[in-house]
Amino acid sequence: MANNKKLVEAITSMEDDFAQWYTDVVKKAELCGYTSVKGCMAIKPAGYAIWENIQHELDRRFKETGVQNVYMPIFIPESLLQKEKD
């Protein structure tokens, strides 16, 4: 990650720009990394561990209240991929 051009030098203030602050924190903590596919990121081990904890807690709360989990993979139509390419 040291060679990554997107390495964060300073973390943006949360009050100034929440979205940029979040991105800065995620990159600085090396929770994920960019892939060669535009808009896609690979979740690194520490980031995935956080995600597993979030899933565990949500699953516990869902079961307490009778909510059922659902998984909806994202399918991107080829027409949108072509738009991005152009």
N, C-alpha and C. Protein backbone atom coordinates (compact mmCIF):
# COMPACT_ATOMS: atom_id res chain seq x y z
N MET A 1 0.82 -1.19 0.00
CA MET A 1 0.00 0.00 0.00
C MET A 1 0.86 1.25 0.00
N ALA A 2 2.12 1.15 0.38
CA ALA A 2 2.99 2.33 0.43
C ALA A 2 3.14 2.96 -0.95
N ASN A 3 3.06 2.16 -2.00
CA ASN A 3 3.20 2.68 -3.35
C ASN A 3 1.88 3.18 -3.94
N ASN A 4 0.81 3.00 -3.20
CA ASN A 4 -0.51 3.39 -3.67
C ASN A 4 -0.63 4.90 -3.72
N LYS A 5 -0.99 5.45 -4.89
CA LYS A 5 -1.14 6.90 -5.04
C LYS A 5 -2.25 7.44 -4.16
N LYS A 6 -3.19 6.58 -3.78
CA LYS A 6 -4.34 7.01 -3.01
C LYS A 6 -4.09 6.94 -1.50
N LEU A 7 -2.88 6.73 -1.08
CA LEU A 7 -2.55 6.68 0.34
C LEU A 7 -2.90 8.01 0.99
N VAL A 8 -3.54 7.93 2.11
CA VAL A 8 -4.00 9.13 2.80
C VAL A 8 -2.88 9.71 3.65
N GLU A 9 -2.57 10.96 3.46
CA GLU A 9 -1.56 11.65 4.28
C GLU A 9 -2.20 12.21 5.54
N ALA A 10 -3.37 12.81 5.40
CA ALA A 10 -4.09 13.38 6.53
C ALA A 10 -5.55 12.97 6.41
N ILE A 11 -6.21 12.85 7.54
CA ILE A 11 -7.61 12.45 7.53
C ILE A 11 -8.49 13.70 7.54
N THR A 12 -9.39 13.77 6.58
CA THR A 12 -10.34 14.87 6.47
C THR A 12 -11.22 14.92 7.71
N SER A 13 -11.58 16.10 8.13
CA SER A 13 -12.47 16.27 9.28
C SER A 13 -13.85 15.69 8.96
N MET A 14 -14.40 14.94 9.90
CA MET A 14 -15.72 14.35 9.72
C MET A 14 -16.77 15.43 9.51
N GLU A 15 -16.61 16.55 10.20
CA GLU A 15 -17.58 17.64 10.09
C GLU A 15 -17.50 18.33 8.72
N ASP A 16 -16.32 18.36 8.13
CA ASP A 16 -16.14 19.01 6.82
C ASP A 16 -16.72 18.19 5.68
N ASP A 17 -16.44 16.88 5.70
CA ASP A 17 -16.85 16.02 4.58
C ASP A 17 -16.90 14.59 5.08
N PHE A 18 -18.10 14.16 5.51
CA PHE A 18 -18.24 12.84 6.12
C PHE A 18 -17.79 11.72 5.17
N ALA A 19 -18.21 11.79 3.91
CA ALA A 19 -17.86 10.74 2.95
C ALA A 19 -16.35 10.63 2.77
N GLN A 20 -15.67 11.77 2.67
CA GLN A 20 -14.21 11.75 2.50
C GLN A 20 -13.53 11.27 3.78
N TRP A 21 -14.07 11.68 4.93
CA TRP A 21 -13.52 11.22 6.22
C TRP A 21 -13.58 9.70 6.29
N TYR A 22 -14.73 9.12 5.94
CA TYR A 22 -14.92 7.67 5.98
C TYR A 22 -13.91 6.99 5.05
N THR A 23 -13.79 7.49 3.82
CA THR A 23 -12.83 6.93 2.87
C THR A 23 -11.41 7.02 3.40
N ASP A 24 -11.05 8.17 3.96
CA ASP A 24 -9.71 8.36 4.53
C ASP A 24 -9.42 7.35 5.63
N VAL A 25 -10.38 7.15 6.53
CA VAL A 25 -10.19 6.23 7.66
C VAL A 25 -10.03 4.80 7.14
N VAL A 26 -10.88 4.39 6.22
CA VAL A 26 -10.82 3.03 5.68
C VAL A 26 -9.48 2.79 4.98
N LYS A 27 -9.01 3.77 4.20
CA LYS A 27 -7.73 3.61 3.50
C LYS A 27 -6.56 3.66 4.47
N LYS A 28 -6.58 4.60 5.41
CA LYS A 28 -5.47 4.74 6.36
C LYS A 28 -5.33 3.49 7.23
N ALA A 29 -6.46 2.90 7.61
CA ALA A 29 -6.45 1.68 8.43
C ALA A 29 -6.19 0.43 7.59
N GLU A 30 -6.09 0.62 6.28
CA GLU A 30 -5.86 -0.49 5.35
C GLU A 30 -6.91 -1.60 5.51
N LEU A 31 -8.18 -1.18 5.63
CA LEU A 31 -9.27 -2.13 5.75
C LEU A 31 -9.65 -2.72 4.39
N CYS A 32 -9.32 -2.00 3.33
CA CYS A 32 -9.58 -2.49 1.98
C CYS A 32 -8.61 -1.84 1.02
N GLY A 33 -8.61 -2.33 -0.20
CA GLY A 33 -7.73 -1.79 -1.21
C GLY A 33 -8.43 -1.74 -2.55
N TYR A 34 -7.98 -0.86 -3.41
CA TYR A 34 -8.58 -0.74 -4.74
C TYR A 34 -8.16 -1.91 -5.62
N THR A 35 -9.05 -2.29 -6.52
CA THR A 35 -8.75 -3.34 -7.49
C THR A 35 -8.60 -2.69 -8.86
N SER A 36 -8.30 -3.49 -9.85
CA SER A 36 -8.16 -2.96 -11.21
C SER A 36 -9.52 -2.67 -11.85
N VAL A 37 -10.60 -3.09 -11.20
CA VAL A 37 -11.95 -2.84 -11.71
C VAL A 37 -12.48 -1.57 -11.08
N LYS A 38 -12.81 -0.58 -11.91
CA LYS A 38 -13.27 0.72 -11.42
C LYS A 38 -14.47 0.55 -10.49
N GLY A 39 -14.39 1.16 -9.32
CA GLY A 39 -15.49 1.12 -8.37
C GLY A 39 -15.50 -0.10 -7.46
N CYS A 40 -14.55 -1.00 -7.63
CA CYS A 40 -14.50 -2.21 -6.81
C CYS A 40 -13.32 -2.16 -5.86
N MET A 41 -13.54 -2.69 -4.68
CA MET A 41 -12.48 -2.75 -3.68
C MET A 41 -12.41 -4.16 -3.11
N ALA A 42 -11.23 -4.55 -2.69
CA ALA A 42 -11.03 -5.84 -2.03
C ALA A 42 -10.96 -5.57 -0.53
N ILE A 43 -11.75 -6.31 0.23
CA ILE A 43 -11.74 -6.14 1.68
C ILE A 43 -10.59 -6.96 2.25
N LYS A 44 -9.73 -6.30 3.02
CA LYS A 44 -8.58 -6.96 3.63
C LYS A 44 -9.00 -7.64 4.94
N PRO A 45 -8.13 -8.50 5.51
CA PRO A 45 -8.51 -9.27 6.69
C PRO A 45 -9.11 -8.47 7.85
N ALA A 46 -8.51 -7.35 8.22
CA ALA A 46 -9.07 -6.57 9.34
C ALA A 46 -10.44 -6.00 8.98
N GLY A 47 -10.60 -5.55 7.74
CA GLY A 47 -11.89 -5.05 7.30
C GLY A 47 -12.94 -6.14 7.27
N TYR A 48 -12.53 -7.33 6.85
CA TYR A 48 -13.48 -8.44 6.80
C TYR A 48 -13.87 -8.88 8.20
N ALA A 49 -12.93 -8.83 9.13
CA ALA A 49 -13.25 -9.18 10.52
C ALA A 49 -14.30 -8.23 11.08
N ILE A 50 -14.17 -6.95 10.76
CA ILE A 50 -15.18 -5.97 11.20
C ILE A 50 -16.52 -6.31 10.58
N TRP A 51 -16.53 -6.62 9.28
CA TRP A 51 -17.76 -6.98 8.58
C TRP A 51 -18.41 -8.21 9.21
N GLU A 52 -17.61 -9.22 9.57
CA GLU A 52 -18.16 -10.42 10.21
C GLU A 52 -18.80 -10.08 11.55
N ASN A 53 -18.18 -9.19 12.32
CA ASN A 53 -18.77 -8.77 13.60
C ASN A 53 -20.08 -8.03 13.40
N ILE A 54 -20.14 -7.18 12.39
CA ILE A 54 -21.39 -6.46 12.08
C ILE A 54 -22.47 -7.47 11.70
N GLN A 55 -22.13 -8.42 10.84
CA GLN A 55 -23.10 -9.44 10.43
C GLN A 55 -23.60 -10.24 11.63
N HIS A 56 -22.68 -10.63 12.50
CA HIS A 56 -23.05 -11.42 13.68
C HIS A 56 -24.05 -10.65 14.56
N GLU A 57 -23.75 -9.39 14.82
CA GLU A 57 -24.63 -8.58 15.67
C GLU A 57 -25.99 -8.35 15.01
N LEU A 58 -25.99 -8.04 13.71
CA LEU A 58 -27.26 -7.85 13.01
C LEU A 58 -28.07 -9.14 12.99
N ASP A 59 -27.41 -10.27 12.73
CA ASP A 59 -28.10 -11.55 12.70
C ASP A 59 -28.75 -11.84 14.06
N ARG A 60 -28.03 -11.56 15.13
CA ARG A 60 -28.57 -11.77 16.48
C ARG A 60 -29.82 -10.92 16.68
N ARG A 61 -29.74 -9.65 16.30
CA ARG A 61 -30.89 -8.75 16.48
C ARG A 61 -32.05 -9.14 15.57
N PHE A 62 -31.74 -9.57 14.35
CA PHE A 62 -32.80 -10.02 13.44
C PHE A 62 -33.55 -11.20 14.04
N LYS A 63 -32.81 -12.17 14.56
CA LYS A 63 -33.44 -13.36 15.13
C LYS A 63 -34.30 -13.00 16.35
N GLU A 64 -33.84 -12.06 17.16
CA GLU A 64 -34.62 -11.61 18.32
C GLU A 64 -35.96 -11.03 17.92
N THR A 65 -36.01 -10.36 16.79
CA THR A 65 -37.22 -9.66 16.36
C THR A 65 -37.99 -10.38 15.26
N GLY A 66 -37.50 -11.55 14.84
CA GLY A 66 -38.19 -12.33 13.83
C GLY A 66 -37.96 -11.87 12.40
N VAL A 67 -36.99 -11.02 12.19
CA VAL A 67 -36.66 -10.56 10.84
C VAL A 67 -35.83 -11.64 10.15
N GLN A 68 -36.11 -11.90 8.88
CA GLN A 68 -35.36 -12.90 8.13
C GLN A 68 -34.26 -12.23 7.31
N ASN A 69 -33.10 -12.86 7.29
CA ASN A 69 -32.00 -12.38 6.45
C ASN A 69 -32.29 -12.66 4.99
N VAL A 70 -31.69 -11.88 4.12
CA VAL A 70 -31.78 -12.11 2.69
C VAL A 70 -30.44 -11.70 2.07
N TYR A 71 -30.06 -12.37 1.02
CA TYR A 71 -28.83 -12.03 0.31
C TYR A 71 -29.19 -11.72 -1.13
N MET A 72 -28.83 -10.55 -1.59
CA MET A 72 -29.14 -10.14 -2.96
C MET A 72 -27.86 -9.76 -3.68
N PRO A 73 -27.29 -10.70 -4.42
CA PRO A 73 -26.07 -10.36 -5.16
C PRO A 73 -26.38 -9.26 -6.17
N ILE A 74 -25.40 -8.45 -6.43
CA ILE A 74 -25.58 -7.36 -7.38
C ILE A 74 -25.24 -7.86 -8.78
N PHE A 75 -26.19 -7.73 -9.65
CA PHE A 75 -25.96 -8.07 -11.05
C PHE A 75 -25.97 -6.78 -11.85
N ILE A 76 -24.93 -6.55 -12.61
CA ILE A 76 -24.81 -5.33 -13.39
C ILE A 76 -25.09 -5.66 -14.85
N PRO A 77 -26.13 -5.04 -15.41
CA PRO A 77 -26.44 -5.31 -16.82
C PRO A 77 -25.27 -4.92 -17.73
N GLU A 78 -25.08 -5.69 -18.78
CA GLU A 78 -23.99 -5.42 -19.72
C GLU A 78 -24.10 -4.02 -20.32
N SER A 79 -25.33 -3.53 -20.50
CA SER A 79 -25.52 -2.19 -21.07
C SER A 79 -24.89 -1.12 -20.18
N LEU A 80 -24.96 -1.29 -18.86
CA LEU A 80 -24.34 -0.32 -17.95
C LEU A 80 -22.82 -0.43 -17.99
N LEU A 81 -22.32 -1.64 -18.15
CA LEU A 81 -20.87 -1.82 -18.27
C LEU A 81 -20.38 -1.15 -19.55
N GLN A 82 -21.16 -1.25 -20.61
CA GLN A 82 -20.78 -0.61 -21.88
C GLN A 82 -20.77 0.90 -21.72
N LYS A 83 -21.77 1.46 -21.02
CA LYS A 83 -21.81 2.91 -20.76
C LYS A 83 -20.54 3.35 -20.04
N GLU A 84 -20.15 2.58 -19.02
CA GLU A 84 -18.95 2.91 -18.24
C GLU A 84 -17.71 2.86 -19.12
N LYS A 85 -17.67 1.88 -20.02
CA LYS A 85 -16.53 1.73 -20.92
C LYS A 85 -16.41 2.94 -21.84
N ASP A 86 -17.55 3.42 -22.34
CA ASP A 86 -17.56 4.56 -23.27
C ASP A 86 -17.29 5.82 -22.50
